[in-house]
All heavy atoms as atom14 arrays in JSON, in Angstrom:
{
  "sequence": "QSILAPLYPEVDATISRRFMEQLPDIYDLLRQDATAIHQ",
  "atom14_mask": [
    [1, 1, 1, 1, 1, 1, 1, 1, 1, 0, 0, 0, 0, 0],
    [1, 1, 1, 1, 1, 1, 0, 0, 0, 0, 0, 0, 0, 0],
    [1, 1, 1, 1, 1, 1, 1, 1, 0, 0, 0, 0, 0, 0],
    [1, 1, 1, 1, 1, 1, 1, 1, 0, 0, 0, 0, 0, 0],
    [1, 1, 1, 1, 1, 0, 0, 0, 0, 0, 0, 0, 0, 0],
    [1, 1, 1, 1, 1, 1, 1, 0, 0, 0, 0, 0, 0, 0],
    [1, 1, 1, 1, 1, 1, 1, 1, 0, 0, 0, 0, 0, 0],
    [1, 1, 1, 1, 1, 1, 1, 1, 1, 1, 1, 1, 0, 0],
    [1, 1, 1, 1, 1, 1, 1, 0, 0, 0, 0, 0, 0, 0],
    [1, 1, 1, 1, 1, 1, 1, 1, 1, 0, 0, 0, 0, 0],
    [1, 1, 1, 1, 1, 1, 1, 0, 0, 0, 0, 0, 0, 0],
    [1, 1, 1, 1, 1, 1, 1, 1, 0, 0, 0, 0, 0, 0],
    [1, 1, 1, 1, 1, 0, 0, 0, 0, 0, 0, 0, 0, 0],
    [1, 1, 1, 1, 1, 1, 1, 0, 0, 0, 0, 0, 0, 0],
    [1, 1, 1, 1, 1, 1, 1, 1, 0, 0, 0, 0, 0, 0],
    [1, 1, 1, 1, 1, 1, 0, 0, 0, 0, 0, 0, 0, 0],
    [1, 1, 1, 1, 1, 1, 1, 1, 1, 1, 1, 0, 0, 0],
    [1, 1, 1, 1, 1, 1, 1, 1, 1, 1, 1, 0, 0, 0],
    [1, 1, 1, 1, 1, 1, 1, 1, 1, 1, 1, 0, 0, 0],
    [1, 1, 1, 1, 1, 1, 1, 1, 0, 0, 0, 0, 0, 0],
    [1, 1, 1, 1, 1, 1, 1, 1, 1, 0, 0, 0, 0, 0],
    [1, 1, 1, 1, 1, 1, 1, 1, 1, 0, 0, 0, 0, 0],
    [1, 1, 1, 1, 1, 1, 1, 1, 0, 0, 0, 0, 0, 0],
    [1, 1, 1, 1, 1, 1, 1, 0, 0, 0, 0, 0, 0, 0],
    [1, 1, 1, 1, 1, 1, 1, 1, 0, 0, 0, 0, 0, 0],
    [1, 1, 1, 1, 1, 1, 1, 1, 0, 0, 0, 0, 0, 0],
    [1, 1, 1, 1, 1, 1, 1, 1, 1, 1, 1, 1, 0, 0],
    [1, 1, 1, 1, 1, 1, 1, 1, 0, 0, 0, 0, 0, 0],
    [1, 1, 1, 1, 1, 1, 1, 1, 0, 0, 0, 0, 0, 0],
    [1, 1, 1, 1, 1, 1, 1, 1, 0, 0, 0, 0, 0, 0],
    [1, 1, 1, 1, 1, 1, 1, 1, 1, 1, 1, 0, 0, 0],
    [1, 1, 1, 1, 1, 1, 1, 1, 1, 0, 0, 0, 0, 0],
    [1, 1, 1, 1, 1, 1, 1, 1, 0, 0, 0, 0, 0, 0],
    [1, 1, 1, 1, 1, 0, 0, 0, 0, 0, 0, 0, 0, 0],
    [1, 1, 1, 1, 1, 1, 1, 0, 0, 0, 0, 0, 0, 0],
    [1, 1, 1, 1, 1, 0, 0, 0, 0, 0, 0, 0, 0, 0],
    [1, 1, 1, 1, 1, 1, 1, 1, 0, 0, 0, 0, 0, 0],
    [1, 1, 1, 1, 1, 1, 1, 1, 1, 1, 0, 0, 0, 0],
    [1, 1, 1, 1, 1, 1, 1, 1, 1, 0, 0, 0, 0, 0]
  ],
  "atom14_positions": [
    [[91.34, 134.55, 101.77], [90.2, 134.15, 100.9], [90.55, 133.07, 99.97], [89.84, 132.19, 99.7], [89.47, 135.39, 100.31], [88.62, 136.1, 101.21], [87.82, 137.15, 100.54], [88.08, 138.33, 100.49], [86.8, 136.68, 99.88], [0.0, 0.0, 0.0], [0.0, 0.0, 0.0], [0.0, 0.0, 0.0], [0.0, 0.0, 0.0], [0.0, 0.0, 0.0]],
    [[91.67, 133.33, 99.25], [92.1, 132.4, 98.22], [92.43, 131.04, 98.81], [92.21, 130.01, 98.25], [93.34, 132.89, 97.48], [94.55, 132.99, 98.23], [0.0, 0.0, 0.0], [0.0, 0.0, 0.0], [0.0, 0.0, 0.0], [0.0, 0.0, 0.0], [0.0, 0.0, 0.0], [0.0, 0.0, 0.0], [0.0, 0.0, 0.0], [0.0, 0.0, 0.0]],
    [[92.9, 130.99, 99.92], [93.29, 129.76, 100.67], [91.94, 128.93, 100.97], [91.81, 127.78, 100.83], [94.01, 129.99, 101.94], [95.51, 130.42, 101.66], [94.23, 128.72, 102.81], [96.26, 130.89, 102.9], [0.0, 0.0, 0.0], [0.0, 0.0, 0.0], [0.0, 0.0, 0.0], [0.0, 0.0, 0.0], [0.0, 0.0, 0.0], [0.0, 0.0, 0.0]],
    [[90.96, 129.7, 101.44], [89.65, 129.06, 101.73], [88.72, 128.86, 100.64], [87.76, 128.08, 100.69], [88.97, 130.03, 102.84], [89.52, 130.18, 104.15], [88.82, 131.31, 104.99], [89.53, 128.93, 104.89], [0.0, 0.0, 0.0], [0.0, 0.0, 0.0], [0.0, 0.0, 0.0], [0.0, 0.0, 0.0], [0.0, 0.0, 0.0], [0.0, 0.0, 0.0]],
    [[89.02, 129.43, 99.46], [88.15, 129.39, 98.35], [87.79, 127.96, 97.81], [86.65, 127.67, 97.58], [88.75, 130.18, 97.15], [0.0, 0.0, 0.0], [0.0, 0.0, 0.0], [0.0, 0.0, 0.0], [0.0, 0.0, 0.0], [0.0, 0.0, 0.0], [0.0, 0.0, 0.0], [0.0, 0.0, 0.0], [0.0, 0.0, 0.0], [0.0, 0.0, 0.0]],
    [[88.76, 126.94, 97.89], [88.35, 125.66, 97.48], [87.36, 124.95, 98.39], [86.51, 124.1, 97.93], [89.7, 124.87, 97.44], [90.78, 125.92, 97.27], [90.22, 127.16, 98.07], [0.0, 0.0, 0.0], [0.0, 0.0, 0.0], [0.0, 0.0, 0.0], [0.0, 0.0, 0.0], [0.0, 0.0, 0.0], [0.0, 0.0, 0.0], [0.0, 0.0, 0.0]],
    [[87.36, 125.38, 99.64], [86.45, 124.82, 100.61], [85.06, 125.62, 100.56], [84.03, 125.01, 100.9], [86.97, 124.81, 102.13], [88.17, 123.93, 102.31], [88.64, 124.09, 103.66], [87.87, 122.52, 102.02], [0.0, 0.0, 0.0], [0.0, 0.0, 0.0], [0.0, 0.0, 0.0], [0.0, 0.0, 0.0], [0.0, 0.0, 0.0], [0.0, 0.0, 0.0]],
    [[85.11, 126.85, 100.34], [84.03, 127.77, 100.4], [83.86, 128.54, 99.03], [84.03, 129.75, 99.02], [84.05, 128.69, 101.54], [84.22, 128.02, 102.83], [85.42, 127.9, 103.54], [83.11, 127.36, 103.51], [85.65, 127.22, 104.66], [83.33, 126.66, 104.7], [84.55, 126.61, 105.33], [84.76, 126.04, 106.48], [0.0, 0.0, 0.0], [0.0, 0.0, 0.0]],
    [[83.6, 127.93, 97.93], [83.57, 128.57, 96.65], [82.62, 129.6, 96.49], [82.59, 130.56, 95.62], [83.37, 127.45, 95.7], [82.68, 126.36, 96.37], [83.17, 126.48, 97.73], [0.0, 0.0, 0.0], [0.0, 0.0, 0.0], [0.0, 0.0, 0.0], [0.0, 0.0, 0.0], [0.0, 0.0, 0.0], [0.0, 0.0, 0.0], [0.0, 0.0, 0.0]],
    [[81.5, 129.58, 97.36], [80.39, 130.55, 97.3], [80.76, 131.92, 97.82], [79.92, 132.9, 97.77], [79.19, 129.98, 97.85], [79.09, 130.01, 99.47], [79.98, 128.89, 100.04], [80.54, 128.12, 99.3], [80.08, 128.77, 101.34], [0.0, 0.0, 0.0], [0.0, 0.0, 0.0], [0.0, 0.0, 0.0], [0.0, 0.0, 0.0], [0.0, 0.0, 0.0]],
    [[81.84, 132.16, 98.49], [82.12, 133.32, 99.3], [82.39, 134.51, 98.28], [82.96, 134.37, 97.25], [83.42, 133.21, 100.07], [83.91, 134.44, 100.76], [83.24, 132.14, 101.21], [0.0, 0.0, 0.0], [0.0, 0.0, 0.0], [0.0, 0.0, 0.0], [0.0, 0.0, 0.0], [0.0, 0.0, 0.0], [0.0, 0.0, 0.0], [0.0, 0.0, 0.0]],
    [[81.81, 135.63, 98.64], [81.81, 136.92, 97.82], [83.3, 137.33, 97.74], [83.91, 137.57, 98.76], [80.93, 137.98, 98.51], [80.73, 139.12, 97.61], [81.52, 139.35, 96.72], [79.83, 140.01, 97.91], [0.0, 0.0, 0.0], [0.0, 0.0, 0.0], [0.0, 0.0, 0.0], [0.0, 0.0, 0.0], [0.0, 0.0, 0.0], [0.0, 0.0, 0.0]],
    [[83.71, 137.57, 96.51], [85.11, 138.01, 96.38], [85.35, 139.45, 96.73], [86.49, 139.95, 96.92], [85.41, 137.9, 94.86], [0.0, 0.0, 0.0], [0.0, 0.0, 0.0], [0.0, 0.0, 0.0], [0.0, 0.0, 0.0], [0.0, 0.0, 0.0], [0.0, 0.0, 0.0], [0.0, 0.0, 0.0], [0.0, 0.0, 0.0], [0.0, 0.0, 0.0]],
    [[84.31, 140.26, 97.07], [84.42, 141.64, 97.4], [84.54, 141.83, 98.93], [84.69, 142.96, 99.41], [83.2, 142.42, 96.87], [82.11, 142.06, 97.63], [83.04, 142.29, 95.42], [0.0, 0.0, 0.0], [0.0, 0.0, 0.0], [0.0, 0.0, 0.0], [0.0, 0.0, 0.0], [0.0, 0.0, 0.0], [0.0, 0.0, 0.0], [0.0, 0.0, 0.0]],
    [[84.56, 140.81, 99.73], [84.69, 140.91, 101.19], [85.93, 141.63, 101.6], [85.79, 142.47, 102.53], [84.64, 139.46, 101.87], [83.22, 139.0, 101.78], [85.11, 139.52, 103.32], [83.05, 137.55, 102.27], [0.0, 0.0, 0.0], [0.0, 0.0, 0.0], [0.0, 0.0, 0.0], [0.0, 0.0, 0.0], [0.0, 0.0, 0.0], [0.0, 0.0, 0.0]],
    [[87.0, 141.41, 100.88], [88.29, 142.08, 101.4], [88.09, 143.63, 101.31], [88.44, 144.4, 102.22], [89.41, 141.62, 100.59], [89.67, 140.24, 100.8], [0.0, 0.0, 0.0], [0.0, 0.0, 0.0], [0.0, 0.0, 0.0], [0.0, 0.0, 0.0], [0.0, 0.0, 0.0], [0.0, 0.0, 0.0], [0.0, 0.0, 0.0], [0.0, 0.0, 0.0]],
    [[87.62, 144.1, 100.11], [87.46, 145.45, 99.96], [86.46, 146.1, 100.9], [86.76, 147.15, 101.56], [86.98, 145.77, 98.53], [86.6, 147.27, 98.22], [86.16, 147.42, 96.85], [85.01, 146.61, 96.51], [83.78, 146.87, 96.92], [83.53, 147.98, 97.64], [82.78, 146.04, 96.52], [0.0, 0.0, 0.0], [0.0, 0.0, 0.0], [0.0, 0.0, 0.0]],
    [[85.33, 145.39, 101.22], [84.26, 145.9, 102.07], [84.83, 145.94, 103.5], [84.44, 146.79, 104.3], [83.02, 145.07, 101.92], [82.32, 145.39, 100.59], [81.05, 144.61, 100.53], [81.16, 143.26, 100.41], [80.2, 142.3, 100.88], [79.17, 142.74, 101.61], [80.38, 141.11, 100.64], [0.0, 0.0, 0.0], [0.0, 0.0, 0.0], [0.0, 0.0, 0.0]],
    [[85.62, 144.88, 103.89], [86.17, 144.94, 105.2], [87.09, 146.13, 105.43], [87.02, 146.8, 106.43], [87.04, 143.65, 105.37], [87.71, 143.67, 106.76], [87.25, 143.4, 107.89], [89.2, 143.88, 106.71], [87.83, 143.49, 109.13], [89.9, 143.94, 107.92], [89.19, 143.64, 109.1], [0.0, 0.0, 0.0], [0.0, 0.0, 0.0], [0.0, 0.0, 0.0]],
    [[87.92, 146.38, 104.38], [88.88, 147.58, 104.57], [88.05, 148.96, 104.7], [88.45, 149.85, 105.45], [89.72, 147.59, 103.32], [90.63, 146.45, 103.22], [91.79, 146.11, 104.67], [92.74, 147.6, 104.58], [0.0, 0.0, 0.0], [0.0, 0.0, 0.0], [0.0, 0.0, 0.0], [0.0, 0.0, 0.0], [0.0, 0.0, 0.0], [0.0, 0.0, 0.0]],
    [[86.88, 148.98, 104.01], [86.03, 150.14, 104.13], [85.52, 150.27, 105.55], [85.05, 151.36, 105.98], [84.89, 150.09, 103.14], [85.34, 150.23, 101.68], [84.22, 149.93, 100.7], [83.19, 149.47, 101.06], [84.47, 150.1, 99.45], [0.0, 0.0, 0.0], [0.0, 0.0, 0.0], [0.0, 0.0, 0.0], [0.0, 0.0, 0.0], [0.0, 0.0, 0.0]],
    [[85.4, 149.15, 106.3], [84.85, 149.26, 107.69], [85.82, 149.58, 108.72], [85.62, 149.84, 109.82], [84.07, 147.93, 108.02], [82.88, 147.68, 107.14], [82.08, 146.44, 107.64], [82.31, 145.99, 108.79], [81.31, 145.93, 106.82], [0.0, 0.0, 0.0], [0.0, 0.0, 0.0], [0.0, 0.0, 0.0], [0.0, 0.0, 0.0], [0.0, 0.0, 0.0]],
    [[87.19, 149.56, 108.32], [88.22, 149.63, 109.39], [88.16, 151.03, 110.06], [88.46, 151.04, 111.29], [89.61, 149.49, 108.67], [90.05, 148.05, 108.61], [91.48, 147.97, 108.05], [90.08, 147.3, 109.96], [0.0, 0.0, 0.0], [0.0, 0.0, 0.0], [0.0, 0.0, 0.0], [0.0, 0.0, 0.0], [0.0, 0.0, 0.0], [0.0, 0.0, 0.0]],
    [[87.89, 152.11, 109.5], [87.76, 153.37, 110.16], [86.57, 153.24, 111.32], [86.86, 153.71, 112.47], [87.3, 154.37, 109.17], [87.82, 153.85, 107.84], [87.68, 152.36, 107.95], [0.0, 0.0, 0.0], [0.0, 0.0, 0.0], [0.0, 0.0, 0.0], [0.0, 0.0, 0.0], [0.0, 0.0, 0.0], [0.0, 0.0, 0.0], [0.0, 0.0, 0.0]],
    [[85.54, 152.59, 111.05], [84.56, 152.43, 112.07], [84.87, 151.46, 113.17], [84.66, 151.7, 114.36], [83.23, 151.89, 111.42], [82.6, 152.91, 110.49], [82.73, 154.08, 110.73], [81.95, 152.42, 109.52], [0.0, 0.0, 0.0], [0.0, 0.0, 0.0], [0.0, 0.0, 0.0], [0.0, 0.0, 0.0], [0.0, 0.0, 0.0], [0.0, 0.0, 0.0]],
    [[85.7, 150.4, 112.83], [86.25, 149.51, 113.77], [87.28, 150.22, 114.73], [87.24, 150.11, 115.9], [86.92, 148.3, 113.12], [85.79, 147.42, 112.42], [87.63, 147.43, 114.1], [86.45, 146.27, 111.57], [0.0, 0.0, 0.0], [0.0, 0.0, 0.0], [0.0, 0.0, 0.0], [0.0, 0.0, 0.0], [0.0, 0.0, 0.0], [0.0, 0.0, 0.0]],
    [[88.05, 151.02, 114.14], [89.04, 151.77, 114.88], [88.34, 152.7, 115.86], [88.77, 152.89, 117.01], [89.9, 152.68, 113.91], [90.9, 153.64, 114.68], [91.97, 153.07, 115.23], [90.59, 154.91, 114.64], [92.82, 153.93, 116.01], [91.52, 155.81, 115.23], [92.53, 155.34, 116.01], [93.47, 156.2, 116.62], [0.0, 0.0, 0.0], [0.0, 0.0, 0.0]],
    [[87.26, 153.42, 115.39], [86.5, 154.38, 116.2], [85.88, 153.62, 117.42], [85.88, 154.1, 118.58], [85.42, 155.09, 115.53], [84.58, 156.01, 116.24], [85.15, 156.85, 116.88], [83.37, 155.72, 116.38], [0.0, 0.0, 0.0], [0.0, 0.0, 0.0], [0.0, 0.0, 0.0], [0.0, 0.0, 0.0], [0.0, 0.0, 0.0], [0.0, 0.0, 0.0]],
    [[85.28, 152.39, 117.13], [84.75, 151.58, 118.22], [85.86, 151.14, 119.24], [85.62, 151.25, 120.52], [84.1, 150.33, 117.65], [82.76, 150.56, 117.04], [82.32, 149.28, 116.28], [81.67, 150.9, 118.03], [0.0, 0.0, 0.0], [0.0, 0.0, 0.0], [0.0, 0.0, 0.0], [0.0, 0.0, 0.0], [0.0, 0.0, 0.0], [0.0, 0.0, 0.0]],
    [[86.95, 150.79, 118.75], [88.02, 150.31, 119.71], [88.63, 151.52, 120.49], [88.94, 151.3, 121.64], [89.07, 149.68, 118.88], [88.7, 148.24, 118.38], [89.85, 147.7, 117.49], [88.4, 147.34, 119.39], [0.0, 0.0, 0.0], [0.0, 0.0, 0.0], [0.0, 0.0, 0.0], [0.0, 0.0, 0.0], [0.0, 0.0, 0.0], [0.0, 0.0, 0.0]],
    [[88.75, 152.71, 119.95], [89.17, 153.84, 120.72], [88.14, 154.06, 121.89], [88.52, 154.4, 123.01], [89.3, 155.0, 119.79], [90.48, 155.0, 118.89], [91.8, 154.95, 119.46], [92.05, 156.02, 120.44], [93.18, 156.14, 121.01], [94.25, 155.39, 120.58], [93.45, 157.01, 121.87], [0.0, 0.0, 0.0], [0.0, 0.0, 0.0], [0.0, 0.0, 0.0]],
    [[86.85, 153.99, 121.57], [85.85, 154.17, 122.59], [85.92, 153.07, 123.64], [85.8, 153.37, 124.87], [84.48, 154.15, 122.0], [84.18, 155.38, 121.07], [82.82, 155.42, 120.58], [81.85, 155.28, 121.35], [82.64, 155.58, 119.29], [0.0, 0.0, 0.0], [0.0, 0.0, 0.0], [0.0, 0.0, 0.0], [0.0, 0.0, 0.0], [0.0, 0.0, 0.0]],
    [[86.23, 151.83, 123.2], [86.34, 150.82, 124.17], [87.58, 150.98, 125.11], [87.44, 150.85, 126.37], [86.59, 149.44, 123.42], [85.41, 148.98, 122.63], [84.2, 149.32, 122.99], [85.61, 148.36, 121.63], [0.0, 0.0, 0.0], [0.0, 0.0, 0.0], [0.0, 0.0, 0.0], [0.0, 0.0, 0.0], [0.0, 0.0, 0.0], [0.0, 0.0, 0.0]],
    [[88.73, 151.38, 124.57], [89.81, 151.6, 125.36], [89.7, 152.7, 126.4], [90.1, 152.74, 127.48], [91.13, 151.95, 124.42], [0.0, 0.0, 0.0], [0.0, 0.0, 0.0], [0.0, 0.0, 0.0], [0.0, 0.0, 0.0], [0.0, 0.0, 0.0], [0.0, 0.0, 0.0], [0.0, 0.0, 0.0], [0.0, 0.0, 0.0], [0.0, 0.0, 0.0]],
    [[89.02, 153.81, 125.9], [88.75, 154.96, 126.8], [87.75, 154.52, 127.9], [88.0, 154.9, 129.08], [88.17, 156.11, 126.01], [89.07, 156.49, 124.98], [87.83, 157.26, 126.84], [0.0, 0.0, 0.0], [0.0, 0.0, 0.0], [0.0, 0.0, 0.0], [0.0, 0.0, 0.0], [0.0, 0.0, 0.0], [0.0, 0.0, 0.0], [0.0, 0.0, 0.0]],
    [[86.78, 153.72, 127.55], [85.78, 153.35, 128.64], [86.49, 152.46, 129.6], [86.26, 152.56, 130.89], [84.68, 152.47, 128.02], [0.0, 0.0, 0.0], [0.0, 0.0, 0.0], [0.0, 0.0, 0.0], [0.0, 0.0, 0.0], [0.0, 0.0, 0.0], [0.0, 0.0, 0.0], [0.0, 0.0, 0.0], [0.0, 0.0, 0.0], [0.0, 0.0, 0.0]],
    [[87.46, 151.57, 129.24], [88.13, 150.7, 130.18], [89.0, 151.58, 131.07], [89.11, 151.4, 132.25], [89.06, 149.66, 129.44], [88.21, 148.68, 128.67], [89.99, 148.89, 130.29], [88.86, 147.79, 127.7], [0.0, 0.0, 0.0], [0.0, 0.0, 0.0], [0.0, 0.0, 0.0], [0.0, 0.0, 0.0], [0.0, 0.0, 0.0], [0.0, 0.0, 0.0]],
    [[89.69, 152.55, 130.52], [90.57, 153.43, 131.31], [89.79, 154.23, 132.3], [90.14, 154.43, 133.48], [91.19, 154.54, 130.33], [91.97, 155.53, 131.06], [91.7, 156.91, 130.93], [93.05, 155.5, 131.9], [92.55, 157.56, 131.63], [93.37, 156.69, 132.24], [0.0, 0.0, 0.0], [0.0, 0.0, 0.0], [0.0, 0.0, 0.0], [0.0, 0.0, 0.0]],
    [[88.61, 154.69, 131.99], [87.7, 155.44, 132.83], [87.04, 154.46, 133.98], [86.77, 154.96, 134.94], [86.53, 156.08, 132.05], [87.08, 157.27, 131.09], [85.99, 157.81, 130.28], [84.98, 157.16, 130.04], [86.34, 158.93, 129.64], [0.0, 0.0, 0.0], [0.0, 0.0, 0.0], [0.0, 0.0, 0.0], [0.0, 0.0, 0.0], [0.0, 0.0, 0.0]]
  ]
}
């Protein structure tokens, strides 16, 4: 985000924290995807 900040100064600084909060849901989705491919 800091690398991109000069080009996109309007970006919300809390994105990193909110992304990390979503990782458990992303993990759950990917486990379901992997199981579906196996099946």
